[in-house]
Structure formats: structure tokens, C-alpha cells
Amino acid sequence: MLTLTVALDVRPGHLDDFLTAITENATRTFTDEPGCLSFDVYQDVTDELHFVFHEVYTDQNAIDAHRKAPHFAAWRSAADQHVVPGSQINTIARRLAHHS
């Protein structure tokens, strides 16, 4: 299992269009891609333009398939318009977890 974390900032004045685009991408990713186990979008509570995505995939092949999906291409096009350049993307693997 691999997790992608993406941290980004939305351009001022683009929040509504960004939310439409990421909602479509996250929903299509989770419902259409069997290798996607979860896709969560978090918004900073003190900075409404800062977001973090937490995406969990079965393996690297699932991430590669995601990046080739048509809805991902549409997302990338929207992100180019609505997101400040310089997003941070990390691929991480779980080593320890505690849940309640």
C-alpha cells in the first residue's frame, strides 16, 4: 500500500473552480479506479486556499494507472489554471498506525 500526500495552494479568486475540479477528480479516482483505496481532500482551517490531499493506492501500478486516467488529465489542466505552482507531492509507505 502506498500513500500520496499533496500539499498545494489555490490562486486567489479561483477557489470555487478549484473545488469543482478536485471534487470531480477525487470522486472519479475513488469510484473508477480499483487501485484507489481512499482519496481525502483536506482544507486548512486558517488558510482557505491551502489544501492537502491524502490518497491511498494498492501499489505503484495503481498510482501509474491513476496518472494515465482521463479524469487525471482533466484535473492537471484545471490545476494549471487554479493552483499556485510549486505543489509538494510525496509518496510514502505506512510503517506504523494507531487508530481508535
PDB file of N, CA and C in Angstrom:
ATOM      1  N   MET A   1       0.847  -1.170   0.000  1.00  0.00           N
ATOM      2  CA  MET A   1       0.000   0.000   0.000  1.00  0.00           C
ATOM      3  C   MET A   1       0.895   1.236   0.000  1.00  0.00           C
ATOM      4  N   LEU A   2       0.572   2.193  -0.872  1.00  0.00           N
ATOM      5  CA  LEU A   2       1.317   3.449  -0.953  1.00  0.00           C
ATOM      6  C   LEU A   2       0.361   4.620  -0.801  1.00  0.00           C
ATOM      7  N   THR A   3       0.841   5.663  -0.146  1.00  0.00           N
ATOM      8  CA  THR A   3       0.054   6.864   0.066  1.00  0.00           C
ATOM      9  C   THR A   3       0.725   8.036  -0.618  1.00  0.00           C
ATOM     10  N   LEU A   4      -0.080   8.824  -1.321  1.00  0.00           N
ATOM     11  CA  LEU A   4       0.398  10.095  -1.865  1.00  0.00           C
ATOM     12  C   LEU A   4      -0.126  11.204  -0.975  1.00  0.00           C
ATOM     13  N   THR A   5       0.750  12.122  -0.599  1.00  0.00           N
ATOM     14  CA  THR A   5       0.308  13.352   0.044  1.00  0.00           C
ATOM     15  C   THR A   5       0.682  14.490  -0.882  1.00  0.00           C
ATOM     16  N   VAL A   6      -0.273  15.362  -1.102  1.00  0.00           N
ATOM     17  CA  VAL A   6      -0.077  16.504  -1.990  1.00  0.00           C
ATOM     18  C   VAL A   6      -0.466  17.746  -1.208  1.00  0.00           C
ATOM     19  N   ALA A   7       0.429  18.713  -1.118  1.00  0.00           N
ATOM     20  CA  ALA A   7       0.137  19.988  -0.464  1.00  0.00           C
ATOM     21  C   ALA A   7       0.201  21.075  -1.524  1.00  0.00           C
ATOM     22  N   LEU A   8      -0.831  21.923  -1.562  1.00  0.00           N
ATOM     23  CA  LEU A   8      -0.867  22.962  -2.591  1.00  0.00           C
ATOM     24  C   LEU A   8      -1.636  24.177  -2.108  1.00  0.00           C
ATOM     25  N   ASP A   9      -1.448  25.260  -2.823  1.00  0.00           N
ATOM     26  CA  ASP A   9      -2.180  26.496  -2.572  1.00  0.00           C
ATOM     27  C   ASP A   9      -2.953  26.874  -3.825  1.00  0.00           C
ATOM     28  N   VAL A  10      -4.180  27.333  -3.620  1.00  0.00           N
ATOM     29  CA  VAL A  10      -5.054  27.750  -4.708  1.00  0.00           C
ATOM     30  C   VAL A  10      -4.831  29.237  -4.965  1.00  0.00           C
ATOM     31  N   ARG A  11      -4.874  29.602  -6.229  1.00  0.00           N
ATOM     32  CA  ARG A  11      -4.737  31.014  -6.587  1.00  0.00           C
ATOM     33  C   ARG A  11      -5.935  31.801  -6.030  1.00  0.00           C
ATOM     34  N   PRO A  12      -5.691  32.990  -5.502  1.00  0.00           N
ATOM     35  CA  PRO A  12      -6.806  33.823  -5.037  1.00  0.00           C
ATOM     36  C   PRO A  12      -7.820  34.037  -6.171  1.00  0.00           C
ATOM     37  N   GLY A  13      -9.092  33.941  -5.829  1.00  0.00           N
ATOM     38  CA  GLY A  13     -10.156  34.119  -6.809  1.00  0.00           C
ATOM     39  C   GLY A  13     -10.509  32.867  -7.591  1.00  0.00           C
ATOM     40  N   HIS A  14      -9.812  31.765  -7.328  1.00  0.00           N
ATOM     41  CA  HIS A  14     -10.033  30.523  -8.075  1.00  0.00           C
ATOM     42  C   HIS A  14     -10.614  29.400  -7.214  1.00  0.00           C
ATOM     43  N   LEU A  15     -10.994  29.693  -5.985  1.00  0.00           N
ATOM     44  CA  LEU A  15     -11.384  28.631  -5.056  1.00  0.00           C
ATOM     45  C   LEU A  15     -12.568  27.806  -5.559  1.00  0.00           C
ATOM     46  N   ASP A  16     -13.624  28.454  -6.031  1.00  0.00           N
ATOM     47  CA  ASP A  16     -14.807  27.706  -6.470  1.00  0.00           C
ATOM     48  C   ASP A  16     -14.492  26.779  -7.638  1.00  0.00           C
ATOM     49  N   ASP A  17     -13.751  27.271  -8.623  1.00  0.00           N
ATOM     50  CA  ASP A  17     -13.391  26.435  -9.769  1.00  0.00           C
ATOM     51  C   ASP A  17     -12.466  25.294  -9.347  1.00  0.00           C
ATOM     52  N   PHE A  18     -11.552  25.577  -8.433  1.00  0.00           N
ATOM     53  CA  PHE A  18     -10.672  24.534  -7.906  1.00  0.00           C
ATOM     54  C   PHE A  18     -11.487  23.441  -7.223  1.00  0.00           C
ATOM     55  N   LEU A  19     -12.424  23.839  -6.370  1.00  0.00           N
ATOM     56  CA  LEU A  19     -13.231  22.860  -5.640  1.00  0.00           C
ATOM     57  C   LEU A  19     -14.046  21.984  -6.587  1.00  0.00           C
ATOM     58  N   THR A  20     -14.574  22.571  -7.645  1.00  0.00           N
ATOM     59  CA  THR A  20     -15.300  21.784  -8.645  1.00  0.00           C
ATOM     60  C   THR A  20     -14.375  20.756  -9.285  1.00  0.00           C
ATOM     61  N   ALA A  21     -13.183  21.187  -9.663  1.00  0.00           N
ATOM     62  CA  ALA A  21     -12.235  20.300 -10.349  1.00  0.00           C
ATOM     63  C   ALA A  21     -11.733  19.187  -9.437  1.00  0.00           C
ATOM     64  N   ILE A  22     -11.374  19.515  -8.200  1.00  0.00           N
ATOM     65  CA  ILE A  22     -10.831  18.473  -7.328  1.00  0.00           C
ATOM     66  C   ILE A  22     -11.929  17.520  -6.864  1.00  0.00           C
ATOM     67  N   THR A  23     -13.142  18.008  -6.708  1.00  0.00           N
ATOM     68  CA  THR A  23     -14.249  17.119  -6.357  1.00  0.00           C
ATOM     69  C   THR A  23     -14.471  16.086  -7.456  1.00  0.00           C
ATOM     70  N   GLU A  24     -14.451  16.525  -8.705  1.00  0.00           N
ATOM     71  CA  GLU A  24     -14.603  15.604  -9.840  1.00  0.00           C
ATOM     72  C   GLU A  24     -13.453  14.601  -9.876  1.00  0.00           C
ATOM     73  N   ASN A  25     -12.224  15.080  -9.732  1.00  0.00           N
ATOM     74  CA  ASN A  25     -11.068  14.188  -9.797  1.00  0.00           C
ATOM     75  C   ASN A  25     -11.078  13.171  -8.655  1.00  0.00           C
ATOM     76  N   ALA A  26     -11.295  13.632  -7.446  1.00  0.00           N
ATOM     77  CA  ALA A  26     -11.274  12.723  -6.296  1.00  0.00           C
ATOM     78  C   ALA A  26     -12.395  11.690  -6.393  1.00  0.00           C
ATOM     79  N   THR A  27     -13.581  12.126  -6.779  1.00  0.00           N
ATOM     80  CA  THR A  27     -14.713  11.212  -6.896  1.00  0.00           C
ATOM     81  C   THR A  27     -14.476  10.177  -7.982  1.00  0.00           C
ATOM     82  N   ARG A  28     -14.043  10.616  -9.153  1.00  0.00           N
ATOM     83  CA  ARG A  28     -13.782   9.683 -10.262  1.00  0.00           C
ATOM     84  C   ARG A  28     -12.638   8.733  -9.920  1.00  0.00           C
ATOM     85  N   THR A  29     -11.608   9.250  -9.265  1.00  0.00           N
ATOM     86  CA  THR A  29     -10.487   8.391  -8.885  1.00  0.00           C
ATOM     87  C   THR A  29     -10.964   7.279  -7.966  1.00  0.00           C
ATOM     88  N   PHE A  30     -11.708   7.640  -6.928  1.00  0.00           N
ATOM     89  CA  PHE A  30     -12.145   6.645  -5.950  1.00  0.00           C
ATOM     90  C   PHE A  30     -13.153   5.664  -6.542  1.00  0.00           C
ATOM     91  N   THR A  31     -14.080   6.149  -7.361  1.00  0.00           N
ATOM     92  CA  THR A  31     -15.128   5.264  -7.875  1.00  0.00           C
ATOM     93  C   THR A  31     -14.706   4.474  -9.109  1.00  0.00           C
ATOM     94  N   ASP A  32     -13.813   5.029  -9.927  1.00  0.00           N
ATOM     95  CA  ASP A  32     -13.462   4.391 -11.200  1.00  0.00           C
ATOM     96  C   ASP A  32     -12.161   3.592 -11.168  1.00  0.00           C
ATOM     97  N   GLU A  33     -11.330   3.812 -10.172  1.00  0.00           N
ATOM     98  CA  GLU A  33     -10.021   3.154 -10.138  1.00  0.00           C
ATOM     99  C   GLU A  33      -9.984   2.126  -9.002  1.00  0.00           C
ATOM    100  N   PRO A  34      -9.979   0.833  -9.354  1.00  0.00           N
ATOM    101  CA  PRO A  34      -9.980  -0.187  -8.303  1.00  0.00           C
ATOM    102  C   PRO A  34      -8.742  -0.151  -7.408  1.00  0.00           C
ATOM    103  N   GLY A  35      -7.648   0.422  -7.878  1.00  0.00           N
ATOM    104  CA  GLY A  35      -6.434   0.501  -7.079  1.00  0.00           C
ATOM    105  C   GLY A  35      -6.407   1.651  -6.095  1.00  0.00           C
ATOM    106  N   CYS A  36      -7.422   2.517  -6.135  1.00  0.00           N
ATOM    107  CA  CYS A  36      -7.504   3.632  -5.178  1.00  0.00           C
ATOM    108  C   CYS A  36      -8.348   3.193  -3.989  1.00  0.00           C
ATOM    109  N   LEU A  37      -7.735   3.161  -2.818  1.00  0.00           N
ATOM    110  CA  LEU A  37      -8.425   2.743  -1.599  1.00  0.00           C
ATOM    111  C   LEU A  37      -9.086   3.908  -0.881  1.00  0.00           C
ATOM    112  N   SER A  38      -8.528   5.108  -1.032  1.00  0.00           N
ATOM    113  CA  SER A  38      -9.154   6.308  -0.467  1.00  0.00           C
ATOM    114  C   SER A  38      -8.552   7.543  -1.117  1.00  0.00           C
ATOM    115  N   PHE A  39      -9.331   8.614  -1.118  1.00  0.00           N
ATOM    116  CA  PHE A  39      -8.872   9.893  -1.665  1.00  0.00           C
ATOM    117  C   PHE A  39      -9.541  10.973  -0.826  1.00  0.00           C
ATOM    118  N   ASP A  40      -8.801  11.542   0.116  1.00  0.00           N
ATOM    119  CA  ASP A  40      -9.321  12.564   1.021  1.00  0.00           C
ATOM    120  C   ASP A  40      -8.715  13.914   0.679  1.00  0.00           C
ATOM    121  N   VAL A  41      -9.552  14.940   0.725  1.00  0.00           N
ATOM    122  CA  VAL A  41      -9.120  16.310   0.458  1.00  0.00           C
ATOM    123  C   VAL A  41      -9.328  17.106   1.743  1.00  0.00           C
ATOM    124  N   TYR A  42      -8.257  17.707   2.242  1.00  0.00           N
ATOM    125  CA  TYR A  42      -8.300  18.500   3.469  1.00  0.00           C
ATOM    126  C   TYR A  42      -8.048  19.962   3.150  1.00  0.00           C
ATOM    127  N   GLN A  43      -8.801  20.847   3.807  1.00  0.00           N
ATOM    128  CA  GLN A  43      -8.627  22.288   3.655  1.00  0.00           C
ATOM    129  C   GLN A  43      -8.144  22.853   4.985  1.00  0.00           C
ATOM    130  N   ASP A  44      -7.112  23.668   4.924  1.00  0.00           N
ATOM    131  CA  ASP A  44      -6.549  24.285   6.125  1.00  0.00           C
ATOM    132  C   ASP A  44      -7.621  25.122   6.824  1.00  0.00           C
ATOM    133  N   VAL A  45      -7.697  25.031   8.138  1.00  0.00           N
ATOM    134  CA  VAL A  45      -8.728  25.758   8.883  1.00  0.00           C
ATOM    135  C   VAL A  45      -8.402  27.236   9.056  1.00  0.00           C
ATOM    136  N   THR A  46      -7.156  27.631   8.836  1.00  0.00           N
ATOM    137  CA  THR A  46      -6.796  29.046   8.969  1.00  0.00           C
ATOM    138  C   THR A  46      -6.447  29.694   7.636  1.00  0.00           C
ATOM    139  N   ASP A  47      -6.268  28.900   6.594  1.00  0.00           N
ATOM    140  CA  ASP A  47      -5.940  29.418   5.263  1.00  0.00           C
ATOM    141  C   ASP A  47      -6.787  28.665   4.249  1.00  0.00           C
ATOM    142  N   GLU A  48      -7.903  29.260   3.849  1.00  0.00           N
ATOM    143  CA  GLU A  48      -8.851  28.556   2.978  1.00  0.00           C
ATOM    144  C   GLU A  48      -8.294  28.203   1.606  1.00  0.00           C
ATOM    145  N   LEU A  49      -7.135  28.751   1.259  1.00  0.00           N
ATOM    146  CA  LEU A  49      -6.533  28.467  -0.040  1.00  0.00           C
ATOM    147  C   LEU A  49      -5.468  27.371   0.023  1.00  0.00           C
ATOM    148  N   HIS A  50      -5.234  26.815   1.204  1.00  0.00           N
ATOM    149  CA  HIS A  50      -4.236  25.748   1.346  1.00  0.00           C
ATOM    150  C   HIS A  50      -4.942  24.402   1.519  1.00  0.00           C
ATOM    151  N   PHE A  51      -4.517  23.417   0.731  1.00  0.00           N
ATOM    152  CA  PHE A  51      -5.131  22.088   0.736  1.00  0.00           C
ATOM    153  C   PHE A  51      -4.070  21.006   0.828  1.00  0.00           C
ATOM    154  N   VAL A  52      -4.470  19.879   1.392  1.00  0.00           N
ATOM    155  CA  VAL A  52      -3.646  18.675   1.412  1.00  0.00           C
ATOM    156  C   VAL A  52      -4.529  17.524   0.947  1.00  0.00           C
ATOM    157  N   PHE A  53      -4.015  16.742   0.013  1.00  0.00           N
ATOM    158  CA  PHE A  53      -4.697  15.527  -0.432  1.00  0.00           C
ATOM    159  C   PHE A  53      -3.994  14.337   0.208  1.00  0.00           C
ATOM    160  N   HIS A  54      -4.772  13.358   0.602  1.00  0.00           N
ATOM    161  CA  HIS A  54      -4.251  12.109   1.172  1.00  0.00           C
ATOM    162  C   HIS A  54      -4.876  10.987   0.348  1.00  0.00           C
ATOM    163  N   GLU A  55      -4.078  10.385  -0.530  1.00  0.00           N
ATOM    164  CA  GLU A  55      -4.563   9.378  -1.467  1.00  0.00           C
ATOM    165  C   GLU A  55      -3.868   8.052  -1.171  1.00  0.00           C
ATOM    166  N   VAL A  56      -4.641   6.987  -1.020  1.00  0.00           N
ATOM    167  CA  VAL A  56      -4.072   5.678  -0.726  1.00  0.00           C
ATOM    168  C   VAL A  56      -4.351   4.738  -1.899  1.00  0.00           C
ATOM    169  N   TYR A  57      -3.275   4.096  -2.379  1.00  0.00           N
ATOM    170  CA  TYR A  57      -3.351   3.188  -3.523  1.00  0.00           C
ATOM    171  C   TYR A  57      -2.780   1.830  -3.135  1.00  0.00           C
ATOM    172  N   THR A  58      -3.198   0.802  -3.846  1.00  0.00           N
ATOM    173  CA  THR A  58      -2.737  -0.549  -3.542  1.00  0.00           C
ATOM    174  C   THR A  58      -1.245  -0.714  -3.784  1.00  0.00           C
ATOM    175  N   ASP A  59      -0.729  -0.084  -4.845  1.00  0.00           N
ATOM    176  CA  ASP A  59       0.683  -0.237  -5.194  1.00  0.00           C
ATOM    177  C   ASP A  59       1.079   0.806  -6.242  1.00  0.00           C
ATOM    178  N   GLN A  60       2.323   0.759  -6.676  1.00  0.00           N
ATOM    179  CA  GLN A  60       2.817   1.725  -7.655  1.00  0.00           C
ATOM    180  C   GLN A  60       2.078   1.602  -8.988  1.00  0.00           C
ATOM    181  N   ASN A  61       1.685   0.390  -9.365  1.00  0.00           N
ATOM    182  CA  ASN A  61       0.928   0.221 -10.609  1.00  0.00           C
ATOM    183  C   ASN A  61      -0.390   0.985 -10.565  1.00  0.00           C
ATOM    184  N   ALA A  62      -1.036   1.017  -9.409  1.00  0.00           N
ATOM    185  CA  ALA A  62      -2.289   1.760  -9.260  1.00  0.00           C
ATOM    186  C   ALA A  62      -2.049   3.261  -9.385  1.00  0.00           C
ATOM    187  N   ILE A  63      -0.943   3.751  -8.839  1.00  0.00           N
ATOM    188  CA  ILE A  63      -0.599   5.171  -8.979  1.00  0.00           C
ATOM    189  C   ILE A  63      -0.320   5.491 -10.438  1.00  0.00           C
ATOM    190  N   ASP A  64       0.421   4.619 -11.109  1.00  0.00           N
ATOM    191  CA  ASP A  64       0.718   4.834 -12.529  1.00  0.00           C
ATOM    192  C   ASP A  64      -0.562   4.851 -13.359  1.00  0.00           C
ATOM    193  N   ALA A  65      -1.489   3.936 -13.074  1.00  0.00           N
ATOM    194  CA  ALA A  65      -2.768   3.904 -13.789  1.00  0.00           C
ATOM    195  C   ALA A  65      -3.558   5.180 -13.525  1.00  0.00           C
ATOM    196  N   HIS A  66      -3.531   5.656 -12.288  1.00  0.00           N
ATOM    197  CA  HIS A  66      -4.219   6.905 -11.942  1.00  0.00           C
ATOM    198  C   HIS A  66      -3.697   8.059 -12.789  1.00  0.00           C
ATOM    199  N   ARG A  67      -2.409   8.146 -12.915  1.00  0.00           N
ATOM    200  CA  ARG A  67      -1.804   9.256 -13.653  1.00  0.00           C
ATOM    201  C   ARG A  67      -2.063   9.177 -15.156  1.00  0.00           C
ATOM    202  N   LYS A  68      -2.532   8.038 -15.641  1.00  0.00           N
ATOM    203  CA  LYS A  68      -2.871   7.871 -17.057  1.00  0.00           C
ATOM    204  C   LYS A  68      -4.371   8.018 -17.324  1.00  0.00           C
ATOM    205  N   ALA A  69      -5.166   8.151 -16.274  1.00  0.00           N
ATOM    206  CA  ALA A  69      -6.624   8.209 -16.421  1.00  0.00           C
ATOM    207  C   ALA A  69      -7.067   9.539 -17.036  1.00  0.00           C
ATOM    208  N   PRO A  70      -8.115   9.521 -17.859  1.00  0.00           N
ATOM    209  CA  PRO A  70      -8.609  10.763 -18.473  1.00  0.00           C
ATOM    210  C   PRO A  70      -9.010  11.825 -17.449  1.00  0.00           C
ATOM    211  N   HIS A  71      -9.610  11.419 -16.336  1.00  0.00           N
ATOM    212  CA  HIS A  71     -10.006  12.414 -15.337  1.00  0.00           C
ATOM    213  C   HIS A  71      -8.786  13.057 -14.678  1.00  0.00           C
ATOM    214  N   PHE A  72      -7.665  12.332 -14.610  1.00  0.00           N
ATOM    215  CA  PHE A  72      -6.446  12.940 -14.075  1.00  0.00           C
ATOM    216  C   PHE A  72      -5.916  13.994 -15.043  1.00  0.00           C
ATOM    217  N   ALA A  73      -5.984  13.724 -16.346  1.00  0.00           N
ATOM    218  CA  ALA A  73      -5.557  14.719 -17.340  1.00  0.00           C
ATOM    219  C   ALA A  73      -6.414  15.976 -17.229  1.00  0.00           C
ATOM    220  N   ALA A  74      -7.715  15.805 -17.037  1.00  0.00           N
ATOM    221  CA  ALA A  74      -8.603  16.963 -16.864  1.00  0.00           C
ATOM    222  C   ALA A  74      -8.243  17.723 -15.588  1.00  0.00           C
ATOM    223  N   TRP A  75      -7.932  16.984 -14.519  1.00  0.00           N
ATOM    224  CA  TRP A  75      -7.512  17.618 -13.267  1.00  0.00           C
ATOM    225  C   TRP A  75      -6.238  18.428 -13.460  1.00  0.00           C
ATOM    226  N   ARG A  76      -5.253  17.849 -14.141  1.00  0.00           N
ATOM    227  CA  ARG A  76      -3.976  18.547 -14.356  1.00  0.00           C
ATOM    228  C   ARG A  76      -4.206  19.846 -15.122  1.00  0.00           C
ATOM    229  N   SER A  77      -5.072  19.818 -16.108  1.00  0.00           N
ATOM    230  CA  SER A  77      -5.381  21.025 -16.867  1.00  0.00           C
ATOM    231  C   SER A  77      -6.009  22.081 -15.958  1.00  0.00           C
ATOM    232  N   ALA A  78      -6.946  21.668 -15.122  1.00  0.00           N
ATOM    233  CA  ALA A  78      -7.577  22.600 -14.187  1.00  0.00           C
ATOM    234  C   ALA A  78      -6.573  23.107 -13.159  1.00  0.00           C
ATOM    235  N   ALA A  79      -5.730  22.219 -12.657  1.00  0.00           N
ATOM    236  CA  ALA A  79      -4.732  22.619 -11.662  1.00  0.00           C
ATOM    237  C   ALA A  79      -3.780  23.659 -12.235  1.00  0.00           C
ATOM    238  N   ASP A  80      -3.423  23.516 -13.495  1.00  0.00           N
ATOM    239  CA  ASP A  80      -2.546  24.510 -14.121  1.00  0.00           C
ATOM    240  C   ASP A  80      -3.154  25.904 -14.064  1.00  0.00           C
ATOM    241  N   GLN A  81      -4.474  25.984 -14.109  1.00  0.00           N
ATOM    242  CA  GLN A  81      -5.163  27.276 -14.069  1.00  0.00           C
ATOM    243  C   GLN A  81      -5.391  27.782 -12.648  1.00  0.00           C
ATOM    244  N   HIS A  82      -5.666  26.874 -11.724  1.00  0.00           N
ATOM    245  CA  HIS A  82      -6.174  27.273 -10.412  1.00  0.00           C
ATOM    246  C   HIS A  82      -5.200  27.116  -9.245  1.00  0.00           C
ATOM    247  N   VAL A  83      -4.094  26.420  -9.458  1.00  0.00           N
ATOM    248  CA  VAL A  83      -3.171  26.123  -8.358  1.00  0.00           C
ATOM    249  C   VAL A  83      -1.874  26.907  -8.533  1.00  0.00           C
ATOM    250  N   VAL A  84      -1.384  27.459  -7.435  1.00  0.00           N
ATOM    251  CA  VAL A  84      -0.098  28.150  -7.428  1.00  0.00           C
ATOM    252  C   VAL A  84       0.996  27.121  -7.743  1.00  0.00           C
ATOM    253  N   PRO A  85       1.905  27.417  -8.664  1.00  0.00           N
ATOM    254  CA  PRO A  85       2.984  26.460  -8.962  1.00  0.00           C
ATOM    255  C   PRO A  85       3.801  26.137  -7.703  1.00  0.00           C
ATOM    256  N   GLY A  86       4.300  24.903  -7.657  1.00  0.00           N
ATOM    257  CA  GLY A  86       5.160  24.509  -6.545  1.00  0.00           C
ATOM    258  C   GLY A  86       4.519  23.552  -5.570  1.00  0.00           C
ATOM    259  N   SER A  87       3.520  22.801  -6.001  1.00  0.00           N
ATOM    260  CA  SER A  87       2.899  21.812  -5.118  1.00  0.00           C
ATOM    261  C   SER A  87       3.935  20.806  -4.643  1.00  0.00           C
ATOM    262  N   GLN A  88       3.763  20.358  -3.421  1.00  0.00           N
ATOM    263  CA  GLN A  88       4.646  19.336  -2.861  1.00  0.00           C
ATOM    264  C   GLN A  88       3.932  17.996  -2.928  1.00  0.00           C
ATOM    265  N   ILE A  89       4.567  17.001  -3.564  1.00  0.00           N
ATOM    266  CA  ILE A  89       3.990  15.669  -3.695  1.00  0.00           C
ATOM    267  C   ILE A  89       4.964  14.665  -3.092  1.00  0.00           C
ATOM    268  N   ASN A  90       4.475  13.842  -2.165  1.00  0.00           N
ATOM    269  CA  ASN A  90       5.291  12.804  -1.535  1.00  0.00           C
ATOM    270  C   ASN A  90       4.602  11.456  -1.696  1.00  0.00           C
ATOM    271  N   THR A  91       5.390  10.420  -1.937  1.00  0.00           N
ATOM    272  CA  THR A  91       4.892   9.047  -1.940  1.00  0.00           C
ATOM    273  C   THR A  91       5.475   8.371  -0.712  1.00  0.00           C
ATOM    274  N   ILE A  92       4.583   7.869   0.147  1.00  0.00           N
ATOM    275  CA  ILE A  92       5.030   7.299   1.409  1.00  0.00           C
ATOM    276  C   ILE A  92       4.388   5.926   1.617  1.00  0.00           C
ATOM    277  N   ALA A  93       5.035   5.095   2.421  1.00  0.00           N
ATOM    278  CA  ALA A  93       4.501   3.783   2.788  1.00  0.00           C
ATOM    279  C   ALA A  93       4.317   3.740   4.300  1.00  0.00           C
ATOM    280  N   ARG A  94       3.207   3.194   4.755  1.00  0.00           N
ATOM    281  CA  ARG A  94       2.910   3.122   6.186  1.00  0.00           C
ATOM    282  C   ARG A  94       3.877   2.174   6.881  1.00  0.00           C
ATOM    283  N   ARG A  95       4.399   2.613   8.011  1.00  0.00           N
ATOM    284  CA  ARG A  95       5.265   1.777   8.840  1.00  0.00           C
ATOM    285  C   ARG A  95       4.628   1.474  10.194  1.00  0.00           C
ATOM    286  N   LEU A  96       3.772   2.369  10.667  1.00  0.00           N
ATOM    287  CA  LEU A  96       3.130   2.188  11.962  1.00  0.00           C
ATOM    288  C   LEU A  96       1.817   2.948  11.941  1.00  0.00           C
ATOM    289  N   ALA A  97       0.771   2.368  12.502  1.00  0.00           N
ATOM    290  CA  ALA A  97      -0.525   3.046  12.532  1.00  0.00           C
ATOM    291  C   ALA A  97      -1.242   2.736  13.837  1.00  0.00           C
ATOM    292  N   HIS A  98      -1.878   3.733  14.391  1.00  0.00           N
ATOM    293  CA  HIS A  98      -2.743   3.592  15.560  1.00  0.00           C
ATOM    294  C   HIS A  98      -4.079   4.219  15.198  1.00  0.00           C
ATOM    295  N   HIS A  99      -5.156   3.526  15.469  1.00  0.00           N
ATOM    296  CA  HIS A  99      -6.490   4.038  15.160  1.00  0.00           C
ATOM    297  C   HIS A  99      -7.398   3.825  16.359  1.00  0.00           C
ATOM    298  N   SER A 100      -8.363   4.708  16.496  1.00  0.00           N
ATOM    299  CA  SER A 100      -9.362   4.499  17.550  1.00  0.00           C
ATOM    300  C   SER A 100     -10.716   4.280  16.938  1.00  0.00           C
TER     301      SER A 100
END
